[in-house]
């Protein structure tokens, strides 16, 4: 992880911002998944 953070710094990427944006992207997609499952009357644990 430390070496990846170092590389990110070299190419001008803020690793904290990058990871947080990925977190938000995952949350958005997962919540879409939840809403679509609910529309079909399903529970995620049953899929």
ModelCIF file with pLDDT and N, C-alpha, C, O atoms, coordinates in Angstrom:
data_MODEL
#
_entry.id   MODEL 
#
_entity.id                         1 
_entity.type                       polymer 
_entity.pdbx_number_of_molecules   1 
#
_entity_poly.entity_id                      1 
_entity_poly.type                           'polypeptide(L)' 
_entity_poly.nstd_linkage                   no 
_entity_poly.nstd_monomer                   no 
_entity_poly.pdbx_seq_one_letter_code       
;(UNK)(UNK)(UNK)(UNK)(UNK)(UNK)(UNK)(UNK)(UNK)(UNK)(UNK)(UNK)(UNK)(UNK)(UNK)(UNK)
(UNK)(UNK)(UNK)(UNK)(UNK)(UNK)(UNK)(UNK)(UNK)(UNK)(UNK)(UNK)(UNK)(UNK)(UNK)(UNK)
(UNK)(UNK)(UNK)(UNK)(UNK)(UNK)(UNK)(UNK)(UNK)(UNK)(UNK)(UNK)(UNK)(UNK)(UNK)
;
_entity_poly.pdbx_seq_one_letter_code_can   XXXXXXXXXXXXXXXXXXXXXXXXXXXXXXXXXXXXXXXXXXXXXXX 
_entity_poly.pdbx_strand_id                 A 
#
loop_
_entity_poly_seq.entity_id 
_entity_poly_seq.num 
_entity_poly_seq.mon_id 
_entity_poly_seq.hetero 
1 1  UNK n 
1 2  UNK n 
1 3  UNK n 
1 4  UNK n 
1 5  UNK n 
1 6  UNK n 
1 7  UNK n 
1 8  UNK n 
1 9  UNK n 
1 10 UNK n 
1 11 UNK n 
1 12 UNK n 
1 13 UNK n 
1 14 UNK n 
1 15 UNK n 
1 16 UNK n 
1 17 UNK n 
1 18 UNK n 
1 19 UNK n 
1 20 UNK n 
1 21 UNK n 
1 22 UNK n 
1 23 UNK n 
1 24 UNK n 
1 25 UNK n 
1 26 UNK n 
1 27 UNK n 
1 28 UNK n 
1 29 UNK n 
1 30 UNK n 
1 31 UNK n 
1 32 UNK n 
1 33 UNK n 
1 34 UNK n 
1 35 UNK n 
1 36 UNK n 
1 37 UNK n 
1 38 UNK n 
1 39 UNK n 
1 40 UNK n 
1 41 UNK n 
1 42 UNK n 
1 43 UNK n 
1 44 UNK n 
1 45 UNK n 
1 46 UNK n 
1 47 UNK n 
#
_struct_asym.id          A 
_struct_asym.entity_id   1 
#
loop_
_ma_qa_metric.id 
_ma_qa_metric.mode 
_ma_qa_metric.name 
_ma_qa_metric.software_group_id 
_ma_qa_metric.type 
1 global pLDDT . pLDDT 
2 local  pLDDT . pLDDT 
#
_ma_qa_metric_global.metric_id      1 
_ma_qa_metric_global.metric_value   91.89 
_ma_qa_metric_global.model_id       1 
_ma_qa_metric_global.ordinal_id     1 
#
loop_
_ma_qa_metric_local.label_asym_id 
_ma_qa_metric_local.label_comp_id 
_ma_qa_metric_local.label_seq_id 
_ma_qa_metric_local.metric_id 
_ma_qa_metric_local.metric_value 
_ma_qa_metric_local.model_id 
_ma_qa_metric_local.ordinal_id 
A UNK 1  2 96.00 1 1  
A UNK 2  2 96.00 1 2  
A UNK 3  2 96.00 1 3  
A UNK 4  2 96.00 1 4  
A UNK 5  2 96.00 1 5  
A UNK 6  2 95.00 1 6  
A UNK 7  2 96.00 1 7  
A UNK 8  2 95.00 1 8  
A UNK 9  2 93.00 1 9  
A UNK 10 2 93.00 1 10 
A UNK 11 2 94.00 1 11 
A UNK 12 2 92.00 1 12 
A UNK 13 2 94.00 1 13 
A UNK 14 2 92.00 1 14 
A UNK 15 2 93.00 1 15 
A UNK 16 2 90.00 1 16 
A UNK 17 2 91.00 1 17 
A UNK 18 2 93.00 1 18 
A UNK 19 2 93.00 1 19 
A UNK 20 2 91.00 1 20 
A UNK 21 2 92.00 1 21 
A UNK 22 2 94.00 1 22 
A UNK 23 2 94.00 1 23 
A UNK 24 2 92.00 1 24 
A UNK 25 2 94.00 1 25 
A UNK 26 2 94.00 1 26 
A UNK 27 2 94.00 1 27 
A UNK 28 2 93.00 1 28 
A UNK 29 2 93.00 1 29 
A UNK 30 2 93.00 1 30 
A UNK 31 2 93.00 1 31 
A UNK 32 2 92.00 1 32 
A UNK 33 2 91.00 1 33 
A UNK 34 2 91.00 1 34 
A UNK 35 2 91.00 1 35 
A UNK 36 2 89.00 1 36 
A UNK 37 2 88.00 1 37 
A UNK 38 2 90.00 1 38 
A UNK 39 2 90.00 1 39 
A UNK 40 2 87.00 1 40 
A UNK 41 2 88.00 1 41 
A UNK 42 2 87.00 1 42 
A UNK 43 2 87.00 1 43 
A UNK 44 2 88.00 1 44 
A UNK 45 2 87.00 1 45 
A UNK 46 2 85.00 1 46 
A UNK 47 2 87.00 1 47 
#
loop_
_atom_site.group_PDB 
_atom_site.id 
_atom_site.type_symbol 
_atom_site.label_atom_id 
_atom_site.label_alt_id 
_atom_site.label_comp_id 
_atom_site.label_asym_id 
_atom_site.label_entity_id 
_atom_site.label_seq_id 
_atom_site.pdbx_PDB_ins_code 
_atom_site.Cartn_x 
_atom_site.Cartn_y 
_atom_site.Cartn_z 
_atom_site.occupancy 
_atom_site.B_iso_or_equiv 
_atom_site.pdbx_formal_charge 
_atom_site.auth_seq_id 
_atom_site.auth_comp_id 
_atom_site.auth_asym_id 
_atom_site.auth_atom_id 
_atom_site.pdbx_PDB_model_num 
ATOM 1   N N  . UNK A 1 1  ? 0.827   -1.209  0.000   1.00 96.00 ? 1  UNK A N  1 
ATOM 2   C CA . UNK A 1 1  ? 0.000   0.000   0.000   1.00 96.00 ? 1  UNK A CA 1 
ATOM 3   C C  . UNK A 1 1  ? 0.861   1.259   0.000   1.00 96.00 ? 1  UNK A C  1 
ATOM 4   O O  . UNK A 1 1  ? 0.582   2.210   -0.731  1.00 96.00 ? 1  UNK A O  1 
ATOM 5   N N  . UNK A 1 2  ? 1.898   1.260   0.816   1.00 96.00 ? 2  UNK A N  1 
ATOM 6   C CA . UNK A 1 2  ? 2.775   2.424   0.919   1.00 96.00 ? 2  UNK A CA 1 
ATOM 7   C C  . UNK A 1 2  ? 3.420   2.729   -0.433  1.00 96.00 ? 2  UNK A C  1 
ATOM 8   O O  . UNK A 1 2  ? 3.533   3.889   -0.828  1.00 96.00 ? 2  UNK A O  1 
ATOM 9   N N  . UNK A 1 3  ? 3.843   1.670   -1.140  1.00 96.00 ? 3  UNK A N  1 
ATOM 10  C CA . UNK A 1 3  ? 4.480   1.885   -2.447  1.00 96.00 ? 3  UNK A CA 1 
ATOM 11  C C  . UNK A 1 3  ? 3.467   2.366   -3.490  1.00 96.00 ? 3  UNK A C  1 
ATOM 12  O O  . UNK A 1 3  ? 3.809   3.173   -4.354  1.00 96.00 ? 3  UNK A O  1 
ATOM 13  N N  . UNK A 1 4  ? 2.223   1.879   -3.416  1.00 96.00 ? 4  UNK A N  1 
ATOM 14  C CA . UNK A 1 4  ? 1.180   2.348   -4.330  1.00 96.00 ? 4  UNK A CA 1 
ATOM 15  C C  . UNK A 1 4  ? 0.856   3.821   -4.081  1.00 96.00 ? 4  UNK A C  1 
ATOM 16  O O  . UNK A 1 4  ? 0.650   4.588   -5.022  1.00 96.00 ? 4  UNK A O  1 
ATOM 17  N N  . UNK A 1 5  ? 0.812   4.204   -2.815  1.00 96.00 ? 5  UNK A N  1 
ATOM 18  C CA . UNK A 1 5  ? 0.572   5.607   -2.469  1.00 96.00 ? 5  UNK A CA 1 
ATOM 19  C C  . UNK A 1 5  ? 1.707   6.473   -3.002  1.00 96.00 ? 5  UNK A C  1 
ATOM 20  O O  . UNK A 1 5  ? 1.483   7.588   -3.474  1.00 96.00 ? 5  UNK A O  1 
ATOM 21  N N  . UNK A 1 6  ? 2.918   5.951   -2.923  1.00 95.00 ? 6  UNK A N  1 
ATOM 22  C CA . UNK A 1 6  ? 4.076   6.672   -3.438  1.00 95.00 ? 6  UNK A CA 1 
ATOM 23  C C  . UNK A 1 6  ? 3.956   6.874   -4.946  1.00 95.00 ? 6  UNK A C  1 
ATOM 24  O O  . UNK A 1 6  ? 4.239   7.957   -5.457  1.00 95.00 ? 6  UNK A O  1 
ATOM 25  N N  . UNK A 1 7  ? 3.535   5.828   -5.654  1.00 96.00 ? 7  UNK A N  1 
ATOM 26  C CA . UNK A 1 7  ? 3.386   5.944   -7.103  1.00 96.00 ? 7  UNK A CA 1 
ATOM 27  C C  . UNK A 1 7  ? 2.286   6.937   -7.455  1.00 96.00 ? 7  UNK A C  1 
ATOM 28  O O  . UNK A 1 7  ? 2.426   7.731   -8.385  1.00 96.00 ? 7  UNK A O  1 
ATOM 29  N N  . UNK A 1 8  ? 1.189   6.884   -6.702  1.00 95.00 ? 8  UNK A N  1 
ATOM 30  C CA . UNK A 1 8  ? 0.100   7.832   -6.936  1.00 95.00 ? 8  UNK A CA 1 
ATOM 31  C C  . UNK A 1 8  ? 0.606   9.267   -6.822  1.00 95.00 ? 8  UNK A C  1 
ATOM 32  O O  . UNK A 1 8  ? 0.246   10.130  -7.624  1.00 95.00 ? 8  UNK A O  1 
ATOM 33  N N  . UNK A 1 9  ? 1.437   9.508   -5.825  1.00 93.00 ? 9  UNK A N  1 
ATOM 34  C CA . UNK A 1 9  ? 1.993   10.855  -5.633  1.00 93.00 ? 9  UNK A CA 1 
ATOM 35  C C  . UNK A 1 9  ? 2.819   11.270  -6.842  1.00 93.00 ? 9  UNK A C  1 
ATOM 36  O O  . UNK A 1 9  ? 2.763   12.424  -7.270  1.00 93.00 ? 9  UNK A O  1 
ATOM 37  N N  . UNK A 1 10 ? 3.589   10.328  -7.397  1.00 93.00 ? 10 UNK A N  1 
ATOM 38  C CA . UNK A 1 10 ? 4.443   10.642  -8.536  1.00 93.00 ? 10 UNK A CA 1 
ATOM 39  C C  . UNK A 1 10 ? 3.648   11.010  -9.783  1.00 93.00 ? 10 UNK A C  1 
ATOM 40  O O  . UNK A 1 10 ? 4.124   11.786  -10.612 1.00 93.00 ? 10 UNK A O  1 
ATOM 41  N N  . UNK A 1 11 ? 2.435   10.458  -9.925  1.00 94.00 ? 11 UNK A N  1 
ATOM 42  C CA . UNK A 1 11 ? 1.656   10.753  -11.119 1.00 94.00 ? 11 UNK A CA 1 
ATOM 43  C C  . UNK A 1 11 ? 0.514   11.736  -10.837 1.00 94.00 ? 11 UNK A C  1 
ATOM 44  O O  . UNK A 1 11 ? -0.394  11.903  -11.651 1.00 94.00 ? 11 UNK A O  1 
ATOM 45  N N  . UNK A 1 12 ? 0.581   12.386  -9.660  1.00 92.00 ? 12 UNK A N  1 
ATOM 46  C CA . UNK A 1 12 ? -0.340  13.465  -9.362  1.00 92.00 ? 12 UNK A CA 1 
ATOM 47  C C  . UNK A 1 12 ? -1.729  13.036  -8.927  1.00 92.00 ? 12 UNK A C  1 
ATOM 48  O O  . UNK A 1 12 ? -2.694  13.774  -9.123  1.00 92.00 ? 12 UNK A O  1 
ATOM 49  N N  . UNK A 1 13 ? -1.844  11.846  -8.336  1.00 94.00 ? 13 UNK A N  1 
ATOM 50  C CA . UNK A 1 13 ? -3.132  11.371  -7.826  1.00 94.00 ? 13 UNK A CA 1 
ATOM 51  C C  . UNK A 1 13 ? -3.125  11.448  -6.305  1.00 94.00 ? 13 UNK A C  1 
ATOM 52  O O  . UNK A 1 13 ? -2.200  10.963  -5.654  1.00 94.00 ? 13 UNK A O  1 
ATOM 53  N N  . UNK A 1 14 ? -4.163  12.063  -5.745  1.00 92.00 ? 14 UNK A N  1 
ATOM 54  C CA . UNK A 1 14 ? -4.318  12.059  -4.296  1.00 92.00 ? 14 UNK A CA 1 
ATOM 55  C C  . UNK A 1 14 ? -4.987  10.742  -3.913  1.00 92.00 ? 14 UNK A C  1 
ATOM 56  O O  . UNK A 1 14 ? -6.156  10.539  -4.240  1.00 92.00 ? 14 UNK A O  1 
ATOM 57  N N  . UNK A 1 15 ? -4.282  9.843   -3.230  1.00 93.00 ? 15 UNK A N  1 
ATOM 58  C CA . UNK A 1 15 ? -4.846  8.514   -2.955  1.00 93.00 ? 15 UNK A CA 1 
ATOM 59  C C  . UNK A 1 15 ? -6.079  8.544   -2.072  1.00 93.00 ? 15 UNK A C  1 
ATOM 60  O O  . UNK A 1 15 ? -6.969  7.709   -2.232  1.00 93.00 ? 15 UNK A O  1 
ATOM 61  N N  . UNK A 1 16 ? -6.151  9.489   -1.145  1.00 90.00 ? 16 UNK A N  1 
ATOM 62  C CA . UNK A 1 16 ? -7.328  9.602   -0.282  1.00 90.00 ? 16 UNK A CA 1 
ATOM 63  C C  . UNK A 1 16 ? -8.561  9.974   -1.113  1.00 90.00 ? 16 UNK A C  1 
ATOM 64  O O  . UNK A 1 16 ? -9.627  9.378   -0.958  1.00 90.00 ? 16 UNK A O  1 
ATOM 65  N N  . UNK A 1 17 ? -8.404  10.964  -1.994  1.00 91.00 ? 17 UNK A N  1 
ATOM 66  C CA . UNK A 1 17 ? -9.511  11.364  -2.853  1.00 91.00 ? 17 UNK A CA 1 
ATOM 67  C C  . UNK A 1 17 ? -9.901  10.227  -3.796  1.00 91.00 ? 17 UNK A C  1 
ATOM 68  O O  . UNK A 1 17 ? -11.085 9.971   -4.016  1.00 91.00 ? 17 UNK A O  1 
ATOM 69  N N  . UNK A 1 18 ? -8.902  9.554   -4.348  1.00 93.00 ? 18 UNK A N  1 
ATOM 70  C CA . UNK A 1 18 ? -9.169  8.467   -5.291  1.00 93.00 ? 18 UNK A CA 1 
ATOM 71  C C  . UNK A 1 18 ? -9.969  7.349   -4.627  1.00 93.00 ? 18 UNK A C  1 
ATOM 72  O O  . UNK A 1 18 ? -10.941 6.852   -5.197  1.00 93.00 ? 18 UNK A O  1 
ATOM 73  N N  . UNK A 1 19 ? -9.560  6.957   -3.425  1.00 93.00 ? 19 UNK A N  1 
ATOM 74  C CA . UNK A 1 19 ? -10.257 5.875   -2.737  1.00 93.00 ? 19 UNK A CA 1 
ATOM 75  C C  . UNK A 1 19 ? -11.658 6.297   -2.320  1.00 93.00 ? 19 UNK A C  1 
ATOM 76  O O  . UNK A 1 19 ? -12.595 5.503   -2.404  1.00 93.00 ? 19 UNK A O  1 
ATOM 77  N N  . UNK A 1 20 ? -11.810 7.541   -1.869  1.00 91.00 ? 20 UNK A N  1 
ATOM 78  C CA . UNK A 1 20 ? -13.130 8.011   -1.456  1.00 91.00 ? 20 UNK A CA 1 
ATOM 79  C C  . UNK A 1 20 ? -14.080 8.068   -2.653  1.00 91.00 ? 20 UNK A C  1 
ATOM 80  O O  . UNK A 1 20 ? -15.260 7.745   -2.518  1.00 91.00 ? 20 UNK A O  1 
ATOM 81  N N  . UNK A 1 21 ? -13.582 8.472   -3.816  1.00 92.00 ? 21 UNK A N  1 
ATOM 82  C CA . UNK A 1 21 ? -14.433 8.492   -5.010  1.00 92.00 ? 21 UNK A CA 1 
ATOM 83  C C  . UNK A 1 21 ? -14.841 7.085   -5.415  1.00 92.00 ? 21 UNK A C  1 
ATOM 84  O O  . UNK A 1 21 ? -15.959 6.866   -5.880  1.00 92.00 ? 21 UNK A O  1 
ATOM 85  N N  . UNK A 1 22 ? -13.932 6.132   -5.237  1.00 94.00 ? 22 UNK A N  1 
ATOM 86  C CA . UNK A 1 22 ? -14.273 4.738   -5.511  1.00 94.00 ? 22 UNK A CA 1 
ATOM 87  C C  . UNK A 1 22 ? -15.304 4.235   -4.504  1.00 94.00 ? 22 UNK A C  1 
ATOM 88  O O  . UNK A 1 22 ? -16.224 3.500   -4.864  1.00 94.00 ? 22 UNK A O  1 
ATOM 89  N N  . UNK A 1 23 ? -15.148 4.632   -3.244  1.00 94.00 ? 23 UNK A N  1 
ATOM 90  C CA . UNK A 1 23 ? -16.147 4.261   -2.223  1.00 94.00 ? 23 UNK A CA 1 
ATOM 91  C C  . UNK A 1 23 ? -17.533 4.759   -2.628  1.00 94.00 ? 23 UNK A C  1 
ATOM 92  O O  . UNK A 1 23 ? -18.519 4.025   -2.557  1.00 94.00 ? 23 UNK A O  1 
ATOM 93  N N  . UNK A 1 24 ? -17.587 6.017   -3.051  1.00 92.00 ? 24 UNK A N  1 
ATOM 94  C CA . UNK A 1 24 ? -18.873 6.607   -3.424  1.00 92.00 ? 24 UNK A CA 1 
ATOM 95  C C  . UNK A 1 24 ? -19.459 5.918   -4.656  1.00 92.00 ? 24 UNK A C  1 
ATOM 96  O O  . UNK A 1 24 ? -20.668 5.704   -4.744  1.00 92.00 ? 24 UNK A O  1 
ATOM 97  N N  . UNK A 1 25 ? -18.589 5.573   -5.601  1.00 94.00 ? 25 UNK A N  1 
ATOM 98  C CA . UNK A 1 25 ? -19.038 4.878   -6.800  1.00 94.00 ? 25 UNK A CA 1 
ATOM 99  C C  . UNK A 1 25 ? -19.620 3.508   -6.438  1.00 94.00 ? 25 UNK A C  1 
ATOM 100 O O  . UNK A 1 25 ? -20.657 3.103   -6.962  1.00 94.00 ? 25 UNK A O  1 
ATOM 101 N N  . UNK A 1 26 ? -18.941 2.810   -5.542  1.00 94.00 ? 26 UNK A N  1 
ATOM 102 C CA . UNK A 1 26 ? -19.430 1.486   -5.121  1.00 94.00 ? 26 UNK A CA 1 
ATOM 103 C C  . UNK A 1 26 ? -20.778 1.612   -4.415  1.00 94.00 ? 26 UNK A C  1 
ATOM 104 O O  . UNK A 1 26 ? -21.702 0.842   -4.675  1.00 94.00 ? 26 UNK A O  1 
ATOM 105 N N  . UNK A 1 27 ? -20.877 2.595   -3.517  1.00 94.00 ? 27 UNK A N  1 
ATOM 106 C CA . UNK A 1 27 ? -22.137 2.794   -2.783  1.00 94.00 ? 27 UNK A CA 1 
ATOM 107 C C  . UNK A 1 27 ? -23.281 3.067   -3.748  1.00 94.00 ? 27 UNK A C  1 
ATOM 108 O O  . UNK A 1 27 ? -24.360 2.491   -3.606  1.00 94.00 ? 27 UNK A O  1 
ATOM 109 N N  . UNK A 1 28 ? -23.059 3.940   -4.728  1.00 93.00 ? 28 UNK A N  1 
ATOM 110 C CA . UNK A 1 28 ? -24.097 4.285   -5.695  1.00 93.00 ? 28 UNK A CA 1 
ATOM 111 C C  . UNK A 1 28 ? -24.547 3.055   -6.467  1.00 93.00 ? 28 UNK A C  1 
ATOM 112 O O  . UNK A 1 28 ? -25.744 2.830   -6.646  1.00 93.00 ? 28 UNK A O  1 
ATOM 113 N N  . UNK A 1 29 ? -23.578 2.256   -6.926  1.00 93.00 ? 29 UNK A N  1 
ATOM 114 C CA . UNK A 1 29 ? -23.918 1.069   -7.699  1.00 93.00 ? 29 UNK A CA 1 
ATOM 115 C C  . UNK A 1 29 ? -24.590 0.007   -6.845  1.00 93.00 ? 29 UNK A C  1 
ATOM 116 O O  . UNK A 1 29 ? -25.520 -0.660  -7.296  1.00 93.00 ? 29 UNK A O  1 
ATOM 117 N N  . UNK A 1 30 ? -24.126 -0.149  -5.624  1.00 93.00 ? 30 UNK A N  1 
ATOM 118 C CA . UNK A 1 30 ? -24.718 -1.157  -4.748  1.00 93.00 ? 30 UNK A CA 1 
ATOM 119 C C  . UNK A 1 30 ? -26.148 -0.786  -4.383  1.00 93.00 ? 30 UNK A C  1 
ATOM 120 O O  . UNK A 1 30 ? -27.022 -1.650  -4.311  1.00 93.00 ? 30 UNK A O  1 
ATOM 121 N N  . UNK A 1 31 ? -26.383 0.498   -4.155  1.00 93.00 ? 31 UNK A N  1 
ATOM 122 C CA . UNK A 1 31 ? -27.738 0.935   -3.835  1.00 93.00 ? 31 UNK A CA 1 
ATOM 123 C C  . UNK A 1 31 ? -28.665 0.789   -5.041  1.00 93.00 ? 31 UNK A C  1 
ATOM 124 O O  . UNK A 1 31 ? -29.859 0.540   -4.878  1.00 93.00 ? 31 UNK A O  1 
ATOM 125 N N  . UNK A 1 32 ? -28.126 0.942   -6.241  1.00 92.00 ? 32 UNK A N  1 
ATOM 126 C CA . UNK A 1 32 ? -28.908 0.672   -7.458  1.00 92.00 ? 32 UNK A CA 1 
ATOM 127 C C  . UNK A 1 32 ? -29.292 -0.799  -7.494  1.00 92.00 ? 32 UNK A C  1 
ATOM 128 O O  . UNK A 1 32 ? -30.434 -1.149  -7.791  1.00 92.00 ? 32 UNK A O  1 
ATOM 129 N N  . UNK A 1 33 ? -28.330 -1.647  -7.189  1.00 91.00 ? 33 UNK A N  1 
ATOM 130 C CA . UNK A 1 33 ? -28.573 -3.090  -7.132  1.00 91.00 ? 33 UNK A CA 1 
ATOM 131 C C  . UNK A 1 33 ? -29.673 -3.418  -6.126  1.00 91.00 ? 33 UNK A C  1 
ATOM 132 O O  . UNK A 1 33 ? -30.565 -4.219  -6.408  1.00 91.00 ? 33 UNK A O  1 
ATOM 133 N N  . UNK A 1 34 ? -29.604 -2.797  -4.958  1.00 91.00 ? 34 UNK A N  1 
ATOM 134 C CA . UNK A 1 34 ? -30.620 -3.031  -3.931  1.00 91.00 ? 34 UNK A CA 1 
ATOM 135 C C  . UNK A 1 34 ? -32.004 -2.601  -4.408  1.00 91.00 ? 34 UNK A C  1 
ATOM 136 O O  . UNK A 1 34 ? -32.991 -3.305  -4.194  1.00 91.00 ? 34 UNK A O  1 
ATOM 137 N N  . UNK A 1 35 ? -32.066 -1.431  -5.059  1.00 91.00 ? 35 UNK A N  1 
ATOM 138 C CA . UNK A 1 35 ? -33.368 -0.913  -5.493  1.00 91.00 ? 35 UNK A CA 1 
ATOM 139 C C  . UNK A 1 35 ? -33.971 -1.788  -6.584  1.00 91.00 ? 35 UNK A C  1 
ATOM 140 O O  . UNK A 1 35 ? -35.181 -2.013  -6.600  1.00 91.00 ? 35 UNK A O  1 
ATOM 141 N N  . UNK A 1 36 ? -33.137 -2.282  -7.498  1.00 89.00 ? 36 UNK A N  1 
ATOM 142 C CA . UNK A 1 36 ? -33.632 -3.145  -8.570  1.00 89.00 ? 36 UNK A CA 1 
ATOM 143 C C  . UNK A 1 36 ? -34.114 -4.488  -8.020  1.00 89.00 ? 36 UNK A C  1 
ATOM 144 O O  . UNK A 1 36 ? -35.118 -5.030  -8.482  1.00 89.00 ? 36 UNK A O  1 
ATOM 145 N N  . UNK A 1 37 ? -33.402 -5.011  -7.046  1.00 88.00 ? 37 UNK A N  1 
ATOM 146 C CA . UNK A 1 37 ? -33.824 -6.269  -6.427  1.00 88.00 ? 37 UNK A CA 1 
ATOM 147 C C  . UNK A 1 37 ? -35.166 -6.077  -5.730  1.00 88.00 ? 37 UNK A C  1 
ATOM 148 O O  . UNK A 1 37 ? -36.038 -6.944  -5.790  1.00 88.00 ? 37 UNK A O  1 
ATOM 149 N N  . UNK A 1 38 ? -35.321 -4.938  -5.075  1.00 90.00 ? 38 UNK A N  1 
ATOM 150 C CA . UNK A 1 38 ? -36.571 -4.657  -4.363  1.00 90.00 ? 38 UNK A CA 1 
ATOM 151 C C  . UNK A 1 38 ? -37.727 -4.530  -5.337  1.00 90.00 ? 38 UNK A C  1 
ATOM 152 O O  . UNK A 1 38 ? -38.836 -4.976  -5.042  1.00 90.00 ? 38 UNK A O  1 
ATOM 153 N N  . UNK A 1 39 ? -37.481 -3.920  -6.509  1.00 90.00 ? 39 UNK A N  1 
ATOM 154 C CA . UNK A 1 39 ? -38.517 -3.788  -7.531  1.00 90.00 ? 39 UNK A CA 1 
ATOM 155 C C  . UNK A 1 39 ? -39.050 -5.144  -7.976  1.00 90.00 ? 39 UNK A C  1 
ATOM 156 O O  . UNK A 1 39 ? -40.218 -5.284  -8.341  1.00 90.00 ? 39 UNK A O  1 
ATOM 157 N N  . UNK A 1 40 ? -38.166 -6.138  -7.937  1.00 87.00 ? 40 UNK A N  1 
ATOM 158 C CA . UNK A 1 40 ? -38.555 -7.482  -8.351  1.00 87.00 ? 40 UNK A CA 1 
ATOM 159 C C  . UNK A 1 40 ? -39.013 -8.337  -7.173  1.00 87.00 ? 40 UNK A C  1 
ATOM 160 O O  . UNK A 1 40 ? -39.240 -9.539  -7.312  1.00 87.00 ? 40 UNK A O  1 
ATOM 161 N N  . UNK A 1 41 ? -39.146 -7.701  -6.015  1.00 88.00 ? 41 UNK A N  1 
ATOM 162 C CA . UNK A 1 41 ? -39.615 -8.421  -4.843  1.00 88.00 ? 41 UNK A CA 1 
ATOM 163 C C  . UNK A 1 41 ? -38.612 -9.429  -4.309  1.00 88.00 ? 41 UNK A C  1 
ATOM 164 O O  . UNK A 1 41 ? -38.990 -10.437 -3.712  1.00 88.00 ? 41 UNK A O  1 
ATOM 165 N N  . UNK A 1 42 ? -37.322 -9.152  -4.528  1.00 87.00 ? 42 UNK A N  1 
ATOM 166 C CA . UNK A 1 42 ? -36.275 -10.082 -4.092  1.00 87.00 ? 42 UNK A CA 1 
ATOM 167 C C  . UNK A 1 42 ? -35.425 -9.472  -2.986  1.00 87.00 ? 42 UNK A C  1 
ATOM 168 O O  . UNK A 1 42 ? -35.344 -8.252  -2.850  1.00 87.00 ? 42 UNK A O  1 
ATOM 169 N N  . UNK A 1 43 ? -34.793 -10.340 -2.196  1.00 87.00 ? 43 UNK A N  1 
ATOM 170 C CA . UNK A 1 43 ? -33.794 -9.945  -1.212  1.00 87.00 ? 43 UNK A CA 1 
ATOM 171 C C  . UNK A 1 43 ? -32.419 -10.319 -1.765  1.00 87.00 ? 43 UNK A C  1 
ATOM 172 O O  . UNK A 1 43 ? -32.263 -11.376 -2.376  1.00 87.00 ? 43 UNK A O  1 
ATOM 173 N N  . UNK A 1 44 ? -31.433 -9.465  -1.555  1.00 88.00 ? 44 UNK A N  1 
ATOM 174 C CA . UNK A 1 44 ? -30.102 -9.747  -2.100  1.00 88.00 ? 44 UNK A CA 1 
ATOM 175 C C  . UNK A 1 44 ? -29.573 -11.102 -1.643  1.00 88.00 ? 44 UNK A C  1 
ATOM 176 O O  . UNK A 1 44 ? -28.936 -11.819 -2.414  1.00 88.00 ? 44 UNK A O  1 
ATOM 177 N N  . UNK A 1 45 ? -29.842 -11.449 -0.381  1.00 87.00 ? 45 UNK A N  1 
ATOM 178 C CA . UNK A 1 45 ? -29.312 -12.700 0.138   1.00 87.00 ? 45 UNK A CA 1 
ATOM 179 C C  . UNK A 1 45 ? -29.933 -13.930 -0.517  1.00 87.00 ? 45 UNK A C  1 
ATOM 180 O O  . UNK A 1 45 ? -29.425 -15.043 -0.385  1.00 87.00 ? 45 UNK A O  1 
ATOM 181 N N  . UNK A 1 46 ? -31.051 -13.708 -1.231  1.00 85.00 ? 46 UNK A N  1 
ATOM 182 C CA . UNK A 1 46 ? -31.701 -14.824 -1.918  1.00 85.00 ? 46 UNK A CA 1 
ATOM 183 C C  . UNK A 1 46 ? -31.303 -14.905 -3.391  1.00 85.00 ? 46 UNK A C  1 
ATOM 184 O O  . UNK A 1 46 ? -31.736 -15.810 -4.103  1.00 85.00 ? 46 UNK A O  1 
ATOM 185 N N  . UNK A 1 47 ? -30.490 -13.970 -3.842  1.00 87.00 ? 47 UNK A N  1 
ATOM 186 C CA . UNK A 1 47 ? -30.059 -13.948 -5.242  1.00 87.00 ? 47 UNK A CA 1 
ATOM 187 C C  . UNK A 1 47 ? -28.656 -14.531 -5.361  1.00 87.00 ? 47 UNK A C  1 
ATOM 188 O O  . UNK A 1 47 ? -28.109 -14.603 -6.461  1.00 87.00 ? 47 UNK A O  1 
#
